[in-house]
C-alpha cells in the first residue's frame, strides 16, 4: 500500500483581494485575480474558496505572469 499525497485545503484569504467579489472572468482564469487585466501569460495563485460569491466551491485563481503587484 502506497501513501497518498495530502491535498492542501483551499485558502480563504488572498491579501488585497475580496474573494467574495471575484468576477466571473477572474474565477475562470480569463482575467488576473489581482489587477483584473486580461491574461495572456499567467501564473497560478492557488486554490481559494469563500463563503459567498462565485468561489463557494474551491477554485484556482490566476494572476499576470509578471507580477502586477
N, C-alpha and C. Protein backbone atom coordinates (compact mmCIF):
# COMPACT_ATOMS: atom_id res chain seq x y z
N UNK A 1 0.85 -1.17 0.00
CA UNK A 1 0.00 0.00 0.00
C UNK A 1 0.90 1.24 0.00
N UNK A 2 0.65 2.18 -0.92
CA UNK A 2 1.46 3.39 -1.00
C UNK A 2 0.72 4.55 -0.35
N UNK A 3 1.45 5.43 0.31
CA UNK A 3 0.80 6.58 0.93
C UNK A 3 0.28 7.55 -0.14
N UNK A 4 -0.84 8.19 0.16
CA UNK A 4 -1.41 9.16 -0.78
C UNK A 4 -0.91 10.55 -0.43
N UNK A 5 -0.80 11.39 -1.42
CA UNK A 5 -0.35 12.77 -1.20
C UNK A 5 -1.46 13.57 -0.52
N UNK A 6 -1.05 14.42 0.37
CA UNK A 6 -2.02 15.28 1.04
C UNK A 6 -2.35 16.46 0.13
N UNK A 7 -3.62 16.68 -0.11
CA UNK A 7 -4.08 17.81 -0.91
C UNK A 7 -4.39 18.95 0.06
N UNK A 8 -3.74 20.10 -0.10
CA UNK A 8 -3.99 21.19 0.84
C UNK A 8 -5.41 21.74 0.69
N UNK A 9 -5.97 22.19 1.79
CA UNK A 9 -7.31 22.79 1.78
C UNK A 9 -7.24 24.13 1.04
N UNK A 10 -8.31 24.50 0.36
CA UNK A 10 -8.32 25.81 -0.33
C UNK A 10 -8.15 26.94 0.69
N UNK A 11 -7.43 27.95 0.28
CA UNK A 11 -7.23 29.11 1.15
C UNK A 11 -8.47 29.99 1.13
N UNK A 12 -8.69 30.71 2.20
CA UNK A 12 -9.87 31.58 2.31
C UNK A 12 -9.51 33.05 2.30
N UNK A 13 -8.24 33.37 2.14
CA UNK A 13 -7.80 34.77 2.10
C UNK A 13 -6.71 34.95 1.06
N UNK A 14 -6.76 36.08 0.37
CA UNK A 14 -5.71 36.49 -0.56
C UNK A 14 -5.50 37.97 -0.31
N UNK A 15 -4.35 38.37 0.24
CA UNK A 15 -4.13 39.77 0.59
C UNK A 15 -4.45 40.72 -0.57
N UNK A 16 -5.28 41.70 -0.28
CA UNK A 16 -5.64 42.71 -1.28
C UNK A 16 -6.77 42.33 -2.19
N UNK A 17 -7.35 41.13 -2.03
CA UNK A 17 -8.44 40.69 -2.91
C UNK A 17 -9.63 40.27 -2.05
N UNK A 18 -10.79 40.83 -2.37
CA UNK A 18 -12.03 40.43 -1.71
C UNK A 18 -12.56 39.21 -2.46
N UNK A 19 -12.34 38.02 -1.93
CA UNK A 19 -12.70 36.79 -2.64
C UNK A 19 -14.20 36.68 -2.90
N UNK A 20 -15.02 37.35 -2.12
CA UNK A 20 -16.46 37.31 -2.33
C UNK A 20 -16.89 38.19 -3.51
N UNK A 21 -15.97 39.02 -4.03
CA UNK A 21 -16.29 39.92 -5.14
C UNK A 21 -15.52 39.59 -6.41
N UNK A 22 -14.91 38.42 -6.47
CA UNK A 22 -14.19 37.99 -7.68
C UNK A 22 -15.21 37.89 -8.82
N UNK A 23 -14.83 38.40 -10.01
CA UNK A 23 -15.74 38.38 -11.16
C UNK A 23 -15.72 37.00 -11.84
N UNK A 24 -16.68 36.77 -12.70
CA UNK A 24 -16.76 35.52 -13.45
C UNK A 24 -15.48 35.31 -14.27
N UNK A 25 -15.00 36.38 -14.93
CA UNK A 25 -13.79 36.28 -15.75
C UNK A 25 -12.56 35.94 -14.90
N UNK A 26 -12.48 36.48 -13.69
CA UNK A 26 -11.36 36.16 -12.80
C UNK A 26 -11.46 34.72 -12.30
N UNK A 27 -12.67 34.27 -11.98
CA UNK A 27 -12.86 32.89 -11.50
C UNK A 27 -12.55 31.87 -12.59
N UNK A 28 -12.77 32.23 -13.84
CA UNK A 28 -12.50 31.32 -14.96
C UNK A 28 -11.06 31.36 -15.43
N UNK A 29 -10.26 32.32 -14.91
CA UNK A 29 -8.86 32.41 -15.32
C UNK A 29 -8.64 33.24 -16.56
N UNK A 30 -9.64 34.01 -16.97
CA UNK A 30 -9.51 34.87 -18.15
C UNK A 30 -8.89 36.21 -17.80
N UNK A 31 -9.07 36.64 -16.53
CA UNK A 31 -8.53 37.92 -16.07
C UNK A 31 -7.75 37.71 -14.78
N UNK A 32 -6.78 38.56 -14.56
CA UNK A 32 -5.94 38.47 -13.36
C UNK A 32 -6.79 38.67 -12.11
N UNK A 33 -6.61 37.82 -11.11
CA UNK A 33 -7.35 37.93 -9.86
C UNK A 33 -6.87 39.13 -9.04
N UNK A 34 -5.68 39.65 -9.33
CA UNK A 34 -5.12 40.76 -8.57
C UNK A 34 -5.43 42.12 -9.19
N UNK A 35 -5.26 42.25 -10.53
CA UNK A 35 -5.43 43.57 -11.17
C UNK A 35 -6.54 43.59 -12.22
N UNK A 36 -7.15 42.46 -12.53
CA UNK A 36 -8.25 42.32 -13.49
C UNK A 36 -7.83 42.51 -14.95
N UNK A 37 -6.53 42.55 -15.25
CA UNK A 37 -6.07 42.65 -16.63
C UNK A 37 -6.35 41.33 -17.36
N UNK A 38 -6.57 41.41 -18.66
CA UNK A 38 -6.77 40.23 -19.48
C UNK A 38 -5.48 39.41 -19.47
N UNK A 39 -5.60 38.10 -19.19
CA UNK A 39 -4.41 37.26 -19.07
C UNK A 39 -3.98 36.72 -20.43
N UNK A 40 -2.72 36.99 -20.78
CA UNK A 40 -2.12 36.38 -21.96
C UNK A 40 -1.00 35.43 -21.54
N UNK A 41 -0.34 35.74 -20.43
CA UNK A 41 0.65 34.87 -19.80
C UNK A 41 0.32 34.91 -18.31
N UNK A 42 0.28 33.74 -17.67
CA UNK A 42 -0.22 33.73 -16.29
C UNK A 42 0.60 32.85 -15.37
N UNK A 43 0.28 32.97 -14.08
CA UNK A 43 0.89 32.15 -13.03
C UNK A 43 -0.21 31.78 -12.04
N UNK A 44 -0.19 30.58 -11.50
CA UNK A 44 -1.23 30.18 -10.55
C UNK A 44 -1.02 30.83 -9.19
N UNK A 45 -2.12 31.21 -8.56
CA UNK A 45 -2.08 31.75 -7.19
C UNK A 45 -2.47 30.69 -6.17
N UNK A 46 -3.14 29.63 -6.63
CA UNK A 46 -3.57 28.57 -5.73
C UNK A 46 -5.08 28.42 -5.72
N UNK A 47 -5.54 27.50 -4.90
CA UNK A 47 -6.97 27.24 -4.77
C UNK A 47 -7.55 28.11 -3.66
N UNK A 48 -8.72 28.69 -3.93
CA UNK A 48 -9.36 29.56 -2.96
C UNK A 48 -10.84 29.24 -2.88
N UNK A 49 -11.44 29.60 -1.76
CA UNK A 49 -12.87 29.45 -1.56
C UNK A 49 -13.36 30.60 -0.68
N UNK A 50 -14.65 30.91 -0.78
CA UNK A 50 -15.25 31.99 0.01
C UNK A 50 -16.64 31.57 0.46
N UNK A 51 -17.14 32.24 1.48
CA UNK A 51 -18.49 31.95 1.99
C UNK A 51 -19.58 32.32 0.99
N UNK A 52 -19.39 33.44 0.27
CA UNK A 52 -20.37 33.95 -0.69
C UNK A 52 -19.69 34.24 -2.02
N UNK A 53 -20.48 34.47 -3.03
CA UNK A 53 -19.95 34.85 -4.34
C UNK A 53 -19.67 33.65 -5.22
N UNK A 54 -18.80 33.84 -6.19
CA UNK A 54 -18.50 32.80 -7.18
C UNK A 54 -17.55 31.72 -6.69
N UNK A 55 -16.92 31.93 -5.54
CA UNK A 55 -15.91 30.98 -5.07
C UNK A 55 -16.41 30.11 -3.92
N UNK A 56 -17.68 29.75 -3.93
CA UNK A 56 -18.18 28.88 -2.87
C UNK A 56 -17.66 27.46 -3.03
N UNK A 57 -17.23 27.10 -4.22
CA UNK A 57 -16.55 25.83 -4.48
C UNK A 57 -15.06 26.15 -4.66
N UNK A 58 -14.16 25.27 -4.25
CA UNK A 58 -12.72 25.54 -4.44
C UNK A 58 -12.41 25.85 -5.90
N UNK A 59 -11.73 26.97 -6.11
CA UNK A 59 -11.45 27.47 -7.46
C UNK A 59 -10.00 27.92 -7.52
N UNK A 60 -9.30 27.54 -8.59
CA UNK A 60 -7.92 28.00 -8.77
C UNK A 60 -7.95 29.39 -9.39
N UNK A 61 -7.22 30.32 -8.77
CA UNK A 61 -7.13 31.68 -9.30
C UNK A 61 -5.77 31.89 -9.96
N UNK A 62 -5.75 32.79 -10.95
CA UNK A 62 -4.56 33.04 -11.74
C UNK A 62 -4.25 34.53 -11.72
N UNK A 63 -2.97 34.86 -11.95
CA UNK A 63 -2.52 36.26 -11.99
C UNK A 63 -1.57 36.44 -13.17
N UNK A 64 -1.24 37.69 -13.44
CA UNK A 64 -0.30 38.02 -14.50
C UNK A 64 1.02 37.28 -14.28
N UNK A 65 1.64 36.80 -15.37
CA UNK A 65 2.90 36.07 -15.26
C UNK A 65 3.99 36.95 -14.65
N UNK A 66 4.08 38.18 -15.10
CA UNK A 66 4.98 39.15 -14.48
C UNK A 66 4.18 39.78 -13.35
N UNK A 67 4.67 39.71 -12.14
CA UNK A 67 3.89 40.22 -11.00
C UNK A 67 3.37 41.65 -11.24
N UNK A 68 2.05 41.78 -11.18
CA UNK A 68 1.42 43.08 -11.39
C UNK A 68 1.38 43.87 -10.09
N UNK A 69 1.47 43.14 -8.97
CA UNK A 69 1.56 43.78 -7.64
C UNK A 69 1.96 42.76 -6.62
